[in-house]
């Protein structure tokens, strides 16, 4: 199963990157790291579609069986870096694709608005966002080992397991639809 996680943090050493790398290592997911700065600011101009960084993003997301969108919560919303990346994508890459949402917040009550923003944007590209979603607070991380502590890692495992169930369901629907034609 081909899972892609998009690390929506513009920070090189942010918690969202730690969570994304943990998921990549644990589940063999490919990490698209937006902190590398290779995507330009989306303008909607046609010539941007020809850029290698944009073509790579589109190909990786389209090829994936499932996507995890991970973002820090900035001012009660998703990061500008992730929104910018999603603006390059469309239903061509996301239609009916199972998508999981993960937010890294500063603690307390943060994270849920980011998840709500992500859900709205994902709906706009016809993604199939799964019910299970996560907020990881600062106390969830094993900073020394670039990973997650055991309890948060279990929550991520539950989310990935649910995501895989939706991938299997999508495969059944595709095969039944193809058989009906």
Protein backbone atom coordinates (compact mmCIF):
# COMPACT_ATOMS: atom_id res chain seq x y z
CA UNK A 1 0.00 0.00 0.00
CA UNK A 2 1.42 3.35 -1.10
CA UNK A 3 0.88 6.02 1.56
CA UNK A 4 2.16 9.57 1.15
CA UNK A 5 2.39 12.00 4.05
CA UNK A 6 2.69 15.69 3.36
CA UNK A 7 4.62 17.49 6.07
CA UNK A 8 2.93 20.87 5.91
CA UNK A 9 5.34 22.62 8.24
CA UNK A 10 7.66 25.26 6.80
CA UNK A 11 10.02 24.64 9.74
CA UNK A 12 13.02 22.39 9.21
CA UNK A 13 12.92 21.12 12.82
CA UNK A 14 9.23 21.44 13.70
CA UNK A 15 7.06 18.88 15.48
CA UNK A 16 5.02 18.25 12.34
CA UNK A 17 8.22 17.15 10.63
CA UNK A 18 9.02 14.84 13.53
CA UNK A 19 5.55 13.26 13.30
CA UNK A 20 5.82 12.97 9.51
CA UNK A 21 9.22 11.30 9.64
CA UNK A 22 7.98 8.93 12.37
CA UNK A 23 5.05 7.90 10.16
CA UNK A 24 7.35 7.57 7.15
CA UNK A 25 9.77 5.29 9.01
CA UNK A 26 7.10 3.25 10.79
CA UNK A 27 4.74 2.63 7.87
CA UNK A 28 7.03 2.98 4.86
CA UNK A 29 5.17 6.12 3.82
CA UNK A 30 6.81 8.55 1.46
CA UNK A 31 7.26 11.97 3.11
CA UNK A 32 6.74 15.06 1.01
CA UNK A 33 8.53 17.67 3.10
CA UNK A 34 7.35 21.20 2.36
CA UNK A 35 10.09 22.65 4.56
CA UNK A 36 12.50 22.03 1.68
CA UNK A 37 11.11 25.14 -0.01
CA UNK A 38 11.01 23.68 -3.53
CA UNK A 39 7.40 24.65 -4.26
CA UNK A 40 6.88 28.20 -5.47
CA UNK A 41 4.07 30.42 -4.26
CA UNK A 42 0.95 29.31 -6.12
CA UNK A 43 -0.18 31.92 -8.64
CA UNK A 44 -2.49 29.90 -10.86
CA UNK A 45 -0.34 30.71 -13.89
CA UNK A 46 -0.18 27.83 -16.37
CA UNK A 47 3.62 27.82 -16.58
CA UNK A 48 3.84 26.69 -12.95
CA UNK A 49 2.38 23.32 -13.94
CA UNK A 50 5.56 22.69 -15.95
CA UNK A 51 7.87 23.08 -12.94
CA UNK A 52 9.51 19.81 -11.84
CA UNK A 53 8.62 20.38 -8.17
CA UNK A 54 4.93 20.81 -9.06
CA UNK A 55 4.93 17.81 -11.39
CA UNK A 56 6.59 15.66 -8.70
CA UNK A 57 4.00 16.70 -6.11
CA UNK A 58 1.10 15.92 -8.43
CA UNK A 59 2.55 12.55 -9.49
CA UNK A 60 3.28 11.39 -5.95
CA UNK A 61 -0.15 12.29 -4.64
CA UNK A 62 -1.97 10.85 -7.65
CA UNK A 63 0.00 7.57 -7.46
CA UNK A 64 -0.63 7.14 -3.71
CA UNK A 65 -3.33 4.85 -2.41
CA UNK A 66 -3.79 7.16 0.57
CA UNK A 67 -2.53 10.51 1.83
CA UNK A 68 -1.91 11.89 5.31
CA UNK A 69 -2.04 15.67 5.56
CA UNK A 70 -0.02 16.95 8.52
CA UNK A 71 0.07 20.58 9.56
CA UNK A 72 0.98 22.73 12.51
CA UNK A 73 -1.86 24.93 13.68
CA UNK A 74 -1.09 28.56 12.91
CA UNK A 75 -3.63 31.18 14.03
CA UNK A 76 -6.43 28.60 14.22
CA UNK A 77 -5.75 27.24 10.73
CA UNK A 78 -3.47 25.19 8.53
CA UNK A 79 0.01 26.34 7.61
CA UNK A 80 0.39 28.55 4.56
CA UNK A 81 2.92 26.06 3.21
CA UNK A 82 0.38 23.24 3.19
CA UNK A 83 -2.42 25.38 1.77
CA UNK A 84 -0.03 26.52 -0.96
CA UNK A 85 0.84 22.89 -1.83
CA UNK A 86 -2.82 21.88 -1.86
CA UNK A 87 -3.58 24.76 -4.24
CA UNK A 88 -1.39 23.02 -6.84
CA UNK A 89 -3.50 19.86 -6.50
CA UNK A 90 -7.06 19.04 -7.51
CA UNK A 91 -9.63 16.30 -7.76
CA UNK A 92 -7.39 14.77 -10.43
CA UNK A 93 -5.05 13.72 -7.61
CA UNK A 94 -7.54 13.38 -4.75
CA UNK A 95 -10.97 12.27 -6.00
CA UNK A 96 -12.24 9.54 -3.64
CA UNK A 97 -8.73 9.00 -2.25
CA UNK A 98 -8.66 8.12 1.47
CA UNK A 99 -7.03 10.95 3.44
CA UNK A 100 -6.13 11.17 7.13
CA UNK A 101 -5.61 14.45 8.99
CA UNK A 102 -3.04 15.24 11.66
CA UNK A 103 -2.40 18.53 13.42
CA UNK A 104 0.50 19.48 15.67
CA UNK A 105 -0.53 22.10 18.18
CA UNK A 106 1.04 24.07 20.97
CA UNK A 107 -0.98 22.38 23.70
CA UNK A 108 -4.20 23.11 25.51
CA UNK A 109 -7.13 23.52 23.16
CA UNK A 110 -5.21 23.89 19.89
CA UNK A 111 -5.33 21.75 16.80
CA UNK A 112 -9.03 21.25 16.13
CA UNK A 113 -9.42 24.36 13.99
CA UNK A 114 -6.51 23.22 11.85
CA UNK A 115 -8.22 19.85 11.38
CA UNK A 116 -11.47 21.59 10.43
CA UNK A 117 -9.60 23.74 7.87
CA UNK A 118 -7.92 20.64 6.45
CA UNK A 119 -11.26 18.84 6.18
CA UNK A 120 -12.80 21.77 4.28
CA UNK A 121 -9.90 22.03 1.83
CA UNK A 122 -9.82 18.25 1.31
CA UNK A 123 -13.55 18.29 0.58
CA UNK A 124 -12.82 20.92 -2.07
CA UNK A 125 -10.65 18.44 -3.99
CA UNK A 126 -13.11 15.55 -3.46
CA UNK A 127 -10.88 13.60 -1.09
CA UNK A 128 -12.43 10.95 1.15
CA UNK A 129 -11.32 12.19 4.58
CA UNK A 130 -11.57 9.42 7.16
CA UNK A 131 -13.29 10.05 10.51
CA UNK A 132 -10.20 9.38 12.64
CA UNK A 133 -8.11 12.53 13.05
CA UNK A 134 -5.35 13.46 15.49
CA UNK A 135 -3.93 16.41 17.37
CA UNK A 136 -0.43 15.93 18.75
CA UNK A 137 0.65 18.33 21.51
CA UNK A 138 4.26 19.06 22.55
CA UNK A 139 4.24 16.38 25.26
CA UNK A 140 3.64 13.66 22.60
CA UNK A 141 7.14 13.81 21.12
CA UNK A 142 10.39 12.00 21.75
CA UNK A 143 12.58 14.90 20.69
CA UNK A 144 15.86 13.07 21.34
CA UNK A 145 14.96 10.27 18.95
CA UNK A 146 13.03 12.28 16.33
CA UNK A 147 9.84 10.35 17.01
CA UNK A 148 6.74 9.94 19.12
CA UNK A 149 6.27 8.59 22.60
CA UNK A 150 4.45 5.27 22.98
CA UNK A 151 0.89 6.48 23.67
CA UNK A 152 0.81 9.02 20.81
CA UNK A 153 2.46 6.44 18.53
CA UNK A 154 -0.45 4.10 19.34
CA UNK A 155 -2.92 6.84 18.36
CA UNK A 156 -1.10 7.26 15.05
CA UNK A 157 -1.18 3.49 14.56
CA UNK A 158 -4.97 3.50 15.08
CA UNK A 159 -5.32 6.28 12.52
CA UNK A 160 -3.15 4.48 9.94
CA UNK A 161 -5.07 1.26 10.51
CA UNK A 162 -8.35 3.07 9.82
CA UNK A 163 -6.82 4.71 6.74
CA UNK A 164 -5.90 1.26 5.41
CA UNK A 165 -9.48 0.08 5.91
CA UNK A 166 -10.69 2.95 3.75
CA UNK A 167 -8.10 2.11 1.09
CA UNK A 168 -9.44 -1.46 0.96
CA UNK A 169 -13.01 -0.15 0.73
CA UNK A 170 -12.01 2.19 -2.12
CA UNK A 171 -10.42 -0.73 -3.97
CA UNK A 172 -13.65 -2.74 -3.68
CA UNK A 173 -15.73 0.16 -4.98
CA UNK A 174 -13.35 0.67 -7.92
CA UNK A 175 -13.42 -3.01 -8.86
CA UNK A 176 -17.21 -3.20 -8.61
CA UNK A 177 -17.61 -0.03 -10.65
CA UNK A 178 -15.25 -1.39 -13.31
CA UNK A 179 -17.16 -4.70 -13.41
CA UNK A 180 -20.46 -2.86 -13.96
CA UNK A 181 -19.10 -1.15 -17.07
